Amino acid sequence: MDYKKSKAPVNTVSRNIMDLCDETGNIYESVSIIAKRANQISVEIKQDLSKKLAEFASYNDSLEEVFENREQIEISRYYEKLPKPTLMATQEFVDGDIYWRDPSADNTTEA
């Protein structure tokens, strides 16, 4: 996922609850879908950040020497400025970019 191209707002935005439940018919189901997608985004961001910061890892046992790397600071600032995963997931849900299905609805037709 390219986080730079996310159209999600950086600040919290008030949304109409009725707009969120249009697609599912239930606000709680919509919030559950958004929460699960936010968790997925959060894991992706954390893995990406960990991979980039692993290059700067120091395996010395001495605590006296602490190096401040300019590149490491810039990477950290970039990730701090990103919108929160919940805002990204909400924007994806509103735009219709999230695929979801209801497994209980699929099982009722098989009986």
PDB file of N, CA and C in Angstrom:
ATOM      1  N   MET A   1       0.844  -1.183   0.000  1.00  0.00           N
ATOM      2  CA  MET A   1       0.000   0.000   0.000  1.00  0.00           C
ATOM      3  C   MET A   1       0.882   1.236   0.000  1.00  0.00           C
ATOM      4  N   ASP A   2       0.511   2.183  -0.818  1.00  0.00           N
ATOM      5  CA  ASP A   2       1.276   3.424  -0.882  1.00  0.00           C
ATOM      6  C   ASP A   2       0.607   4.459   0.014  1.00  0.00           C
ATOM      7  N   TYR A   3       1.256   4.773   1.103  1.00  0.00           N
ATOM      8  CA  TYR A   3       0.671   5.680   2.082  1.00  0.00           C
ATOM      9  C   TYR A   3       0.699   7.128   1.615  1.00  0.00           C
ATOM     10  N   LYS A   4       1.598   7.458   0.702  1.00  0.00           N
ATOM     11  CA  LYS A   4       1.681   8.824   0.195  1.00  0.00           C
ATOM     12  C   LYS A   4       0.441   9.197  -0.610  1.00  0.00           C
ATOM     13  N   LYS A   5      -0.133   8.220  -1.275  1.00  0.00           N
ATOM     14  CA  LYS A   5      -1.277   8.484  -2.144  1.00  0.00           C
ATOM     15  C   LYS A   5      -2.611   8.402  -1.418  1.00  0.00           C
ATOM     16  N   SER A   6      -2.589   8.196  -0.133  1.00  0.00           N
ATOM     17  CA  SER A   6      -3.825   8.113   0.633  1.00  0.00           C
ATOM     18  C   SER A   6      -4.516   9.465   0.649  1.00  0.00           C
ATOM     19  N   LYS A   7      -5.822   9.455   0.398  1.00  0.00           N
ATOM     20  CA  LYS A   7      -6.604  10.683   0.404  1.00  0.00           C
ATOM     21  C   LYS A   7      -7.210  10.949   1.772  1.00  0.00           C
ATOM     22  N   ALA A   8      -6.797  10.200   2.755  1.00  0.00           N
ATOM     23  CA  ALA A   8      -7.358  10.334   4.096  1.00  0.00           C
ATOM     24  C   ALA A   8      -6.907  11.648   4.728  1.00  0.00           C
ATOM     25  N   PRO A   9      -7.810  12.289   5.468  1.00  0.00           N
ATOM     26  CA  PRO A   9      -7.430  13.523   6.147  1.00  0.00           C
ATOM     27  C   PRO A   9      -6.483  13.236   7.308  1.00  0.00           C
ATOM     28  N   VAL A  10      -5.644  14.199   7.627  1.00  0.00           N
ATOM     29  CA  VAL A  10      -4.698  14.029   8.725  1.00  0.00           C
ATOM     30  C   VAL A  10      -5.391  14.274  10.066  1.00  0.00           C
ATOM     31  N   ASN A  11      -6.384  15.141  10.071  1.00  0.00           N
ATOM     32  CA  ASN A  11      -7.134  15.451  11.287  1.00  0.00           C
ATOM     33  C   ASN A  11      -8.461  14.701  11.298  1.00  0.00           C
ATOM     34  N   THR A  12      -9.053  14.615  12.462  1.00  0.00           N
ATOM     35  CA  THR A  12     -10.334  13.947  12.614  1.00  0.00           C
ATOM     36  C   THR A  12     -11.427  14.715  11.878  1.00  0.00           C
ATOM     37  N   VAL A  13     -12.292  13.958  11.212  1.00  0.00           N
ATOM     38  CA  VAL A  13     -13.380  14.558  10.448  1.00  0.00           C
ATOM     39  C   VAL A  13     -14.700  14.017  10.980  1.00  0.00           C
ATOM     40  N   SER A  14     -15.677  14.900  11.187  1.00  0.00           N
ATOM     41  CA  SER A  14     -17.005  14.454  11.595  1.00  0.00           C
ATOM     42  C   SER A  14     -17.706  13.851  10.386  1.00  0.00           C
ATOM     43  N   ARG A  15     -18.330  12.712  10.597  1.00  0.00           N
ATOM     44  CA  ARG A  15     -19.017  12.024   9.501  1.00  0.00           C
ATOM     45  C   ARG A  15     -20.458  11.744   9.895  1.00  0.00           C
ATOM     46  N   ASN A  16     -21.304  11.676   8.905  1.00  0.00           N
ATOM     47  CA  ASN A  16     -22.702  11.336   9.119  1.00  0.00           C
ATOM     48  C   ASN A  16     -22.818   9.826   9.290  1.00  0.00           C
ATOM     49  N   ILE A  17     -23.412   9.413  10.376  1.00  0.00           N
ATOM     50  CA  ILE A  17     -23.529   7.988  10.670  1.00  0.00           C
ATOM     51  C   ILE A  17     -24.353   7.277   9.605  1.00  0.00           C
ATOM     52  N   MET A  18     -25.367   7.935   9.104  1.00  0.00           N
ATOM     53  CA  MET A  18     -26.231   7.311   8.103  1.00  0.00           C
ATOM     54  C   MET A  18     -25.467   7.017   6.802  1.00  0.00           C
ATOM     55  N   ASP A  19     -24.480   7.848   6.487  1.00  0.00           N
ATOM     56  CA  ASP A  19     -23.671   7.592   5.295  1.00  0.00           C
ATOM     57  C   ASP A  19     -22.802   6.351   5.465  1.00  0.00           C
ATOM     58  N   LEU A  20     -22.344   6.116   6.697  1.00  0.00           N
ATOM     59  CA  LEU A  20     -21.500   4.948   6.949  1.00  0.00           C
ATOM     60  C   LEU A  20     -22.285   3.648   6.923  1.00  0.00           C
ATOM     61  N   CYS A  21     -23.559   3.693   7.289  1.00  0.00           N
ATOM     62  CA  CYS A  21     -24.328   2.441   7.333  1.00  0.00           C
ATOM     63  C   CYS A  21     -25.140   2.213   6.060  1.00  0.00           C
ATOM     64  N   ASP A  22     -24.982   3.061   5.051  1.00  0.00           N
ATOM     65  CA  ASP A  22     -25.699   2.858   3.794  1.00  0.00           C
ATOM     66  C   ASP A  22     -25.343   1.537   3.138  1.00  0.00           C
ATOM     67  N   GLU A  23     -24.082   1.211   3.106  1.00  0.00           N
ATOM     68  CA  GLU A  23     -23.620   0.022   2.381  1.00  0.00           C
ATOM     69  C   GLU A  23     -23.966  -1.280   3.097  1.00  0.00           C
ATOM     70  N   THR A  24     -23.854  -1.283   4.421  1.00  0.00           N
ATOM     71  CA  THR A  24     -24.082  -2.509   5.183  1.00  0.00           C
ATOM     72  C   THR A  24     -25.481  -2.595   5.774  1.00  0.00           C
ATOM     73  N   GLY A  25     -26.103  -1.460   6.019  1.00  0.00           N
ATOM     74  CA  GLY A  25     -27.413  -1.449   6.659  1.00  0.00           C
ATOM     75  C   GLY A  25     -27.328  -1.483   8.171  1.00  0.00           C
ATOM     76  N   ASN A  26     -26.115  -1.516   8.720  1.00  0.00           N
ATOM     77  CA  ASN A  26     -25.924  -1.602  10.160  1.00  0.00           C
ATOM     78  C   ASN A  26     -24.657  -0.841  10.517  1.00  0.00           C
ATOM     79  N   ILE A  27     -24.768   0.142  11.390  1.00  0.00           N
ATOM     80  CA  ILE A  27     -23.608   0.972  11.753  1.00  0.00           C
ATOM     81  C   ILE A  27     -22.551   0.147  12.465  1.00  0.00           C
ATOM     82  N   TYR A  28     -22.970  -0.821  13.272  1.00  0.00           N
ATOM     83  CA  TYR A  28     -22.009  -1.635  14.018  1.00  0.00           C
ATOM     84  C   TYR A  28     -21.191  -2.532  13.085  1.00  0.00           C
ATOM     85  N   GLU A  29     -21.829  -3.037  12.057  1.00  0.00           N
ATOM     86  CA  GLU A  29     -21.111  -3.838  11.077  1.00  0.00           C
ATOM     87  C   GLU A  29     -20.122  -2.978  10.296  1.00  0.00           C
ATOM     88  N   SER A  30     -20.529  -1.753   9.963  1.00  0.00           N
ATOM     89  CA  SER A  30     -19.633  -0.833   9.256  1.00  0.00           C
ATOM     90  C   SER A  30     -18.412  -0.498  10.107  1.00  0.00           C
ATOM     91  N   VAL A  31     -18.644  -0.228  11.377  1.00  0.00           N
ATOM     92  CA  VAL A  31     -17.534   0.094  12.289  1.00  0.00           C
ATOM     93  C   VAL A  31     -16.619  -1.108  12.454  1.00  0.00           C
ATOM     94  N   SER A  32     -17.177  -2.303  12.498  1.00  0.00           N
ATOM     95  CA  SER A  32     -16.363  -3.521  12.611  1.00  0.00           C
ATOM     96  C   SER A  32     -15.484  -3.705  11.375  1.00  0.00           C
ATOM     97  N   ILE A  33     -16.031  -3.459  10.204  1.00  0.00           N
ATOM     98  CA  ILE A  33     -15.267  -3.573   8.961  1.00  0.00           C
ATOM     99  C   ILE A  33     -14.136  -2.556   8.947  1.00  0.00           C
ATOM    100  N   ILE A  34     -14.444  -1.320   9.340  1.00  0.00           N
ATOM    101  CA  ILE A  34     -13.429  -0.256   9.374  1.00  0.00           C
ATOM    102  C   ILE A  34     -12.338  -0.595  10.383  1.00  0.00           C
ATOM    103  N   ALA A  35     -12.722  -1.128  11.541  1.00  0.00           N
ATOM    104  CA  ALA A  35     -11.742  -1.475  12.578  1.00  0.00           C
ATOM    105  C   ALA A  35     -10.804  -2.590  12.117  1.00  0.00           C
ATOM    106  N   LYS A  36     -11.348  -3.596  11.446  1.00  0.00           N
ATOM    107  CA  LYS A  36     -10.505  -4.691  10.963  1.00  0.00           C
ATOM    108  C   LYS A  36      -9.528  -4.193   9.898  1.00  0.00           C
ATOM    109  N   ARG A  37      -9.999  -3.315   9.019  1.00  0.00           N
ATOM    110  CA  ARG A  37      -9.107  -2.765   7.986  1.00  0.00           C
ATOM    111  C   ARG A  37      -8.054  -1.867   8.627  1.00  0.00           C
ATOM    112  N   ALA A  38      -8.420  -1.103   9.657  1.00  0.00           N
ATOM    113  CA  ALA A  38      -7.455  -0.249  10.348  1.00  0.00           C
ATOM    114  C   ALA A  38      -6.353  -1.084  10.994  1.00  0.00           C
ATOM    115  N   ASN A  39      -6.718  -2.239  11.547  1.00  0.00           N
ATOM    116  CA  ASN A  39      -5.712  -3.137  12.121  1.00  0.00           C
ATOM    117  C   ASN A  39      -4.763  -3.654  11.052  1.00  0.00           C
ATOM    118  N   GLN A  40      -5.300  -3.988   9.877  1.00  0.00           N
ATOM    119  CA  GLN A  40      -4.448  -4.452   8.779  1.00  0.00           C
ATOM    120  C   GLN A  40      -3.478  -3.353   8.351  1.00  0.00           C
ATOM    121  N   ILE A  41      -3.971  -2.139   8.219  1.00  0.00           N
ATOM    122  CA  ILE A  41      -3.120  -1.013   7.819  1.00  0.00           C
ATOM    123  C   ILE A  41      -2.048  -0.769   8.864  1.00  0.00           C
ATOM    124  N   SER A  42      -2.433  -0.821  10.132  1.00  0.00           N
ATOM    125  CA  SER A  42      -1.491  -0.595  11.218  1.00  0.00           C
ATOM    126  C   SER A  42      -0.363  -1.618  11.200  1.00  0.00           C
ATOM    127  N   VAL A  43      -0.687  -2.867  10.957  1.00  0.00           N
ATOM    128  CA  VAL A  43       0.336  -3.923  10.896  1.00  0.00           C
ATOM    129  C   VAL A  43       1.266  -3.683   9.712  1.00  0.00           C
ATOM    130  N   GLU A  44       0.707  -3.287   8.564  1.00  0.00           N
ATOM    131  CA  GLU A  44       1.535  -3.009   7.386  1.00  0.00           C
ATOM    132  C   GLU A  44       2.502  -1.855   7.642  1.00  0.00           C
ATOM    133  N   ILE A  45       2.004  -0.796   8.257  1.00  0.00           N
ATOM    134  CA  ILE A  45       2.852   0.366   8.544  1.00  0.00           C
ATOM    135  C   ILE A  45       3.953  -0.019   9.524  1.00  0.00           C
ATOM    136  N   LYS A  46       3.596  -0.782  10.558  1.00  0.00           N
ATOM    137  CA  LYS A  46       4.589  -1.177  11.557  1.00  0.00           C
ATOM    138  C   LYS A  46       5.676  -2.056  10.951  1.00  0.00           C
ATOM    139  N   GLN A  47       5.285  -2.990  10.093  1.00  0.00           N
ATOM    140  CA  GLN A  47       6.274  -3.849   9.443  1.00  0.00           C
ATOM    141  C   GLN A  47       7.188  -3.034   8.532  1.00  0.00           C
ATOM    142  N   ASP A  48       6.613  -2.115   7.803  1.00  0.00           N
ATOM    143  CA  ASP A  48       7.392  -1.268   6.899  1.00  0.00           C
ATOM    144  C   ASP A  48       8.382  -0.409   7.683  1.00  0.00           C
ATOM    145  N   LEU A  49       7.907   0.201   8.759  1.00  0.00           N
ATOM    146  CA  LEU A  49       8.768   1.043   9.590  1.00  0.00           C
ATOM    147  C   LEU A  49       9.871   0.218  10.245  1.00  0.00           C
ATOM    148  N   SER A  50       9.536  -0.945  10.754  1.00  0.00           N
ATOM    149  CA  SER A  50      10.540  -1.803  11.400  1.00  0.00           C
ATOM    150  C   SER A  50      11.617  -2.230  10.417  1.00  0.00           C
ATOM    151  N   LYS A  51      11.196  -2.530   9.192  1.00  0.00           N
ATOM    152  CA  LYS A  51      12.151  -2.937   8.165  1.00  0.00           C
ATOM    153  C   LYS A  51      13.106  -1.788   7.824  1.00  0.00           C
ATOM    154  N   LYS A  52      12.592  -0.579   7.740  1.00  0.00           N
ATOM    155  CA  LYS A  52      13.444   0.567   7.410  1.00  0.00           C
ATOM    156  C   LYS A  52      14.371   0.935   8.568  1.00  0.00           C
ATOM    157  N   LEU A  53      13.879   0.827   9.798  1.00  0.00           N
ATOM    158  CA  LEU A  53      14.703   1.182  10.953  1.00  0.00           C
ATOM    159  C   LEU A  53      15.700   0.085  11.319  1.00  0.00           C
ATOM    160  N   ALA A  54      15.493  -1.130  10.832  1.00  0.00           N
ATOM    161  CA  ALA A  54      16.428  -2.221  11.117  1.00  0.00           C
ATOM    162  C   ALA A  54      17.796  -1.959  10.495  1.00  0.00           C
ATOM    163  N   GLU A  55      17.828  -1.166   9.440  1.00  0.00           N
ATOM    164  CA  GLU A  55      19.101  -0.825   8.809  1.00  0.00           C
ATOM    165  C   GLU A  55      19.992  -0.003   9.736  1.00  0.00           C
ATOM    166  N   PHE A  56      19.382   0.729  10.651  1.00  0.00           N
ATOM    167  CA  PHE A  56      20.129   1.607  11.540  1.00  0.00           C
ATOM    168  C   PHE A  56      20.397   0.983  12.901  1.00  0.00           C
ATOM    169  N   ALA A  57      19.976  -0.257  13.092  1.00  0.00           N
ATOM    170  CA  ALA A  57      20.122  -0.907  14.391  1.00  0.00           C
ATOM    171  C   ALA A  57      21.593  -1.084  14.746  1.00  0.00           C
ATOM    172  N   SER A  58      21.895  -0.782  15.989  1.00  0.00           N
ATOM    173  CA  SER A  58      23.253  -0.939  16.499  1.00  0.00           C
ATOM    174  C   SER A  58      23.246  -2.081  17.505  1.00  0.00           C
ATOM    175  N   TYR A  59      24.181  -2.998  17.364  1.00  0.00           N
ATOM    176  CA  TYR A  59      24.214  -4.160  18.223  1.00  0.00           C
ATOM    177  C   TYR A  59      25.319  -4.065  19.275  1.00  0.00           C
ATOM    178  N   ASN A  60      25.681  -2.854  19.653  1.00  0.00           N
ATOM    179  CA  ASN A  60      26.681  -2.659  20.701  1.00  0.00           C
ATOM    180  C   ASN A  60      26.018  -2.757  22.061  1.00  0.00           C
ATOM    181  N   ASP A  61      26.784  -3.256  23.025  1.00  0.00           N
ATOM    182  CA  ASP A  61      26.248  -3.382  24.368  1.00  0.00           C
ATOM    183  C   ASP A  61      26.464  -2.124  25.209  1.00  0.00           C
ATOM    184  N   SER A  62      27.252  -1.222  24.728  1.00  0.00           N
ATOM    185  CA  SER A  62      27.531  -0.022  25.523  1.00  0.00           C
ATOM    186  C   SER A  62      26.399   0.989  25.363  1.00  0.00           C
ATOM    187  N   LEU A  63      25.937   1.463  26.477  1.00  0.00           N
ATOM    188  CA  LEU A  63      24.871   2.462  26.471  1.00  0.00           C
ATOM    189  C   LEU A  63      25.424   3.876  26.379  1.00  0.00           C
ATOM    190  N   GLU A  64      26.718   4.016  26.485  1.00  0.00           N
ATOM    191  CA  GLU A  64      27.332   5.337  26.483  1.00  0.00           C
ATOM    192  C   GLU A  64      27.303   5.975  25.095  1.00  0.00           C
ATOM    193  N   GLU A  65      27.408   5.157  24.082  1.00  0.00           N
ATOM    194  CA  GLU A  65      27.456   5.682  22.728  1.00  0.00           C
ATOM    195  C   GLU A  65      26.074   5.619  22.090  1.00  0.00           C
ATOM    196  N   VAL A  66      25.463   6.760  21.912  1.00  0.00           N
ATOM    197  CA  VAL A  66      24.170   6.843  21.246  1.00  0.00           C
ATOM    198  C   VAL A  66      24.358   7.712  20.017  1.00  0.00           C
ATOM    199  N   PHE A  67      24.072   7.150  18.881  1.00  0.00           N
ATOM    200  CA  PHE A  67      24.259   7.881  17.641  1.00  0.00           C
ATOM    201  C   PHE A  67      22.911   8.385  17.139  1.00  0.00           C
ATOM    202  N   GLU A  68      22.868   9.647  16.772  1.00  0.00           N
ATOM    203  CA  GLU A  68      21.676  10.212  16.166  1.00  0.00           C
ATOM    204  C   GLU A  68      21.892  10.259  14.667  1.00  0.00           C
ATOM    205  N   ASN A  69      21.143   9.472  13.975  1.00  0.00           N
ATOM    206  CA  ASN A  69      21.267   9.405  12.538  1.00  0.00           C
ATOM    207  C   ASN A  69      20.184  10.285  11.919  1.00  0.00           C
ATOM    208  N   ARG A  70      20.571  11.180  11.049  1.00  0.00           N
ATOM    209  CA  ARG A  70      19.646  12.121  10.425  1.00  0.00           C
ATOM    210  C   ARG A  70      18.597  11.399   9.573  1.00  0.00           C
ATOM    211  N   GLU A  71      19.017  10.366   8.859  1.00  0.00           N
ATOM    212  CA  GLU A  71      18.084   9.618   8.024  1.00  0.00           C
ATOM    213  C   GLU A  71      17.023   8.911   8.869  1.00  0.00           C
ATOM    214  N   GLN A  72      17.442   8.384   9.993  1.00  0.00           N
ATOM    215  CA  GLN A  72      16.520   7.697  10.885  1.00  0.00           C
ATOM    216  C   GLN A  72      15.474   8.676  11.427  1.00  0.00           C
ATOM    217  N   ILE A  73      15.898   9.870  11.758  1.00  0.00           N
ATOM    218  CA  ILE A  73      14.982  10.895  12.262  1.00  0.00           C
ATOM    219  C   ILE A  73      13.986  11.299  11.179  1.00  0.00           C
ATOM    220  N   GLU A  74      14.437  11.427   9.951  1.00  0.00           N
ATOM    221  CA  GLU A  74      13.548  11.796   8.847  1.00  0.00           C
ATOM    222  C   GLU A  74      12.517  10.705   8.579  1.00  0.00           C
ATOM    223  N   ILE A  75      12.943   9.452   8.650  1.00  0.00           N
ATOM    224  CA  ILE A  75      12.006   8.340   8.460  1.00  0.00           C
ATOM    225  C   ILE A  75      10.942   8.357   9.553  1.00  0.00           C
ATOM    226  N   SER A  76      11.358   8.581  10.783  1.00  0.00           N
ATOM    227  CA  SER A  76      10.416   8.625  11.901  1.00  0.00           C
ATOM    228  C   SER A  76       9.438   9.780  11.744  1.00  0.00           C
ATOM    229  N   ARG A  77       9.913  10.920  11.327  1.00  0.00           N
ATOM    230  CA  ARG A  77       9.027  12.077  11.121  1.00  0.00           C
ATOM    231  C   ARG A  77       8.011  11.814  10.012  1.00  0.00           C
ATOM    232  N   TYR A  78       8.450  11.140   8.954  1.00  0.00           N
ATOM    233  CA  TYR A  78       7.532  10.822   7.861  1.00  0.00           C
ATOM    234  C   TYR A  78       6.364   9.978   8.366  1.00  0.00           C
ATOM    235  N   TYR A  79       6.680   8.953   9.162  1.00  0.00           N
ATOM    236  CA  TYR A  79       5.630   8.074   9.661  1.00  0.00           C
ATOM    237  C   TYR A  79       4.761   8.759  10.711  1.00  0.00           C
ATOM    238  N   GLU A  80       5.303   9.727  11.436  1.00  0.00           N
ATOM    239  CA  GLU A  80       4.505  10.477  12.400  1.00  0.00           C
ATOM    240  C   GLU A  80       3.493  11.378  11.705  1.00  0.00           C
ATOM    241  N   LYS A  81       3.816  11.860  10.512  1.00  0.00           N
ATOM    242  CA  LYS A  81       2.938  12.779   9.790  1.00  0.00           C
ATOM    243  C   LYS A  81       1.843  12.061   9.003  1.00  0.00           C
ATOM    244  N   LEU A  82       1.934  10.748   8.880  1.00  0.00           N
ATOM    245  CA  LEU A  82       0.913  10.003   8.155  1.00  0.00           C
ATOM    246  C   LEU A  82      -0.427  10.068   8.885  1.00  0.00           C
ATOM    247  N   PRO A  83      -1.525   9.983   8.137  1.00  0.00           N
ATOM    248  CA  PRO A  83      -2.829   9.894   8.813  1.00  0.00           C
ATOM    249  C   PRO A  83      -2.908   8.609   9.631  1.00  0.00           C
ATOM    250  N   LYS A  84      -3.718   8.625  10.649  1.00  0.00           N
ATOM    251  CA  LYS A  84      -3.893   7.441  11.489  1.00  0.00           C
ATOM    252  C   LYS A  84      -4.559   6.325  10.683  1.00  0.00           C
ATOM    253  N   PRO A  85      -4.258   5.071  11.014  1.00  0.00           N
ATOM    254  CA  PRO A  85      -4.851   3.949  10.278  1.00  0.00           C
ATOM    255  C   PRO A  85      -6.382   3.959  10.280  1.00  0.00           C
ATOM    256  N   THR A  86      -7.002   4.409  11.365  1.00  0.00           N
ATOM    257  CA  THR A  86      -8.467   4.462  11.396  1.00  0.00           C
ATOM    258  C   THR A  86      -9.007   5.465  10.387  1.00  0.00           C
ATOM    259  N   LEU A  87      -8.304   6.583  10.219  1.00  0.00           N
ATOM    260  CA  LEU A  87      -8.740   7.570   9.232  1.00  0.00           C
ATOM    261  C   LEU A  87      -8.553   7.044   7.812  1.00  0.00           C
ATOM    262  N   MET A  88      -7.455   6.317   7.576  1.00  0.00           N
ATOM    263  CA  MET A  88      -7.239   5.716   6.261  1.00  0.00           C
ATOM    264  C   MET A  88      -8.313   4.676   5.960  1.00  0.00           C
ATOM    265  N   ALA A  89      -8.626   3.836   6.932  1.00  0.00           N
ATOM    266  CA  ALA A  89      -9.625   2.784   6.742  1.00  0.00           C
ATOM    267  C   ALA A  89     -11.012   3.381   6.523  1.00  0.00           C
ATOM    268  N   THR A  90     -11.347   4.421   7.249  1.00  0.00           N
ATOM    269  CA  THR A  90     -12.644   5.069   7.079  1.00  0.00           C
ATOM    270  C   THR A  90     -12.765   5.674   5.687  1.00  0.00           C
ATOM    271  N   GLN A  91     -11.702   6.304   5.229  1.00  0.00           N
ATOM    272  CA  GLN A  91     -11.718   6.891   3.890  1.00  0.00           C
ATOM    273  C   GLN A  91     -11.860   5.810   2.822  1.00  0.00           C
ATOM    274  N   GLU A  92     -11.166   4.695   2.999  1.00  0.00           N
ATOM    275  CA  GLU A  92     -11.291   3.579   2.058  1.00  0.00           C
ATOM    276  C   GLU A  92     -12.717   3.031   2.047  1.00  0.00           C
ATOM    277  N   PHE A  93     -13.344   2.943   3.225  1.00  0.00           N
ATOM    278  CA  PHE A  93     -14.710   2.432   3.315  1.00  0.00           C
ATOM    279  C   PHE A  93     -15.683   3.376   2.623  1.00  0.00           C
ATOM    280  N   VAL A  94     -15.527   4.665   2.854  1.00  0.00           N
ATOM    281  CA  VAL A  94     -16.409   5.653   2.236  1.00  0.00           C
ATOM    282  C   VAL A  94     -16.248   5.648   0.715  1.00  0.00           C
ATOM    283  N   ASP A  95     -15.012   5.482   0.245  1.00  0.00           N
ATOM    284  CA  ASP A  95     -14.748   5.462  -1.200  1.00  0.00           C
ATOM    285  C   ASP A  95     -15.137   4.136  -1.854  1.00  0.00           C
ATOM    286  N   GLY A  96     -15.433   3.116  -1.057  1.00  0.00           N
ATOM    287  CA  GLY A  96     -15.810   1.810  -1.593  1.00  0.00           C
ATOM    288  C   GLY A  96     -14.618   0.975  -2.012  1.00  0.00           C
ATOM    289  N   ASP A  97     -13.450   1.226  -1.436  1.00  0.00           N
ATOM    290  CA  ASP A  97     -12.234   0.498  -1.800  1.00  0.00           C
ATOM    291  C   ASP A  97     -12.004  -0.757  -0.961  1.00  0.00           C
ATOM    292  N   ILE A  98     -12.854  -1.011   0.018  1.00  0.00           N
ATOM    293  CA  ILE A  98     -12.688  -2.174   0.888  1.00  0.00           C
ATOM    294  C   ILE A  98     -13.624  -3.282   0.418  1.00  0.00           C
ATOM    295  N   TYR A  99     -13.053  -4.464   0.200  1.00  0.00           N
ATOM    296  CA  TYR A  99     -13.870  -5.641  -0.115  1.00  0.00           C
ATOM    297  C   TYR A  99     -14.235  -6.324   1.188  1.00  0.00           C
ATOM    298  N   TRP A 100     -15.510  -6.593   1.371  1.00  0.00           N
ATOM    299  CA  TRP A 100     -15.964  -7.305   2.554  1.00  0.00           C
ATOM    300  C   TRP A 100     -17.152  -8.175   2.158  1.00  0.00           C
ATOM    301  N   ARG A 101     -17.366  -9.200   2.961  1.00  0.00           N
ATOM    302  CA  ARG A 101     -18.526 -10.067   2.725  1.00  0.00           C
ATOM    303  C   ARG A 101     -19.036 -10.567   4.068  1.00  0.00           C
ATOM    304  N   ASP A 102     -20.257 -11.013   4.067  1.00  0.00           N
ATOM    305  CA  ASP A 102     -20.896 -11.524   5.273  1.00  0.00           C
ATOM    306  C   ASP A 102     -21.002 -13.042   5.158  1.00  0.00           C
ATOM    307  N   PRO A 103     -20.153 -13.797   5.874  1.00  0.00           N
ATOM    308  CA  PRO A 103     -20.187 -15.252   5.746  1.00  0.00           C
ATOM    309  C   PRO A 103     -21.500 -15.865   6.226  1.00  0.00           C
ATOM    310  N   SER A 104     -22.190 -15.238   7.179  1.00  0.00           N
ATOM    311  CA  SER A 104     -23.461 -15.788   7.648  1.00  0.00           C
ATOM    312  C   SER A 104     -24.526 -15.693   6.564  1.00  0.00           C
ATOM    313  N   ALA A 105     -24.471 -14.671   5.745  1.00  0.00           N
ATOM    314  CA  ALA A 105     -25.436 -14.537   4.646  1.00  0.00           C
ATOM    315  C   ALA A 105     -25.149 -15.562   3.558  1.00  0.00           C
ATOM    316  N   ASP A 106     -23.889 -15.950   3.380  1.00  0.00           N
ATOM    317  CA  ASP A 106     -23.536 -16.941   2.384  1.00  0.00           C
ATOM    318  C   ASP A 106     -23.992 -18.336   2.786  1.00  0.00           C
ATOM    319  N   ASN A 107     -23.996 -18.650   4.074  1.00  0.00           N
ATOM    320  CA  ASN A 107     -24.340 -19.980   4.553  1.00  0.00           C
ATOM    321  C   ASN A 107     -25.851 -20.247   4.544  1.00  0.00           C
ATOM    322  N   THR A 108     -26.674 -19.224   4.577  1.00  0.00           N
ATOM    323  CA  THR A 108     -28.117 -19.423   4.639  1.00  0.00           C
ATOM    324  C   THR A 108     -28.677 -19.961   3.336  1.00  0.00           C
ATOM    325  N   THR A 109     -28.014 -19.724   2.226  1.00  0.00           N
ATOM    326  CA  THR A 109     -28.503 -20.200   0.940  1.00  0.00           C
ATOM    327  C   THR A 109     -28.165 -21.664   0.693  1.00  0.00           C
ATOM    328  N   GLU A 110     -27.259 -22.243   1.471  1.00  0.00           N
ATOM    329  CA  GLU A 110     -26.827 -23.620   1.267  1.00  0.00           C
ATOM    330  C   GLU A 110     -27.755 -24.636   1.939  1.00  0.00           C
ATOM    331  N   ALA A 111     -28.625 -24.210   2.819  1.00  0.00           N
ATOM    332  CA  ALA A 111     -29.482 -25.129   3.577  1.00  0.00           C
ATOM    333  C   ALA A 111     -30.532 -25.699   2.712  1.00  0.00           C
TER     334      ALA A 111
END
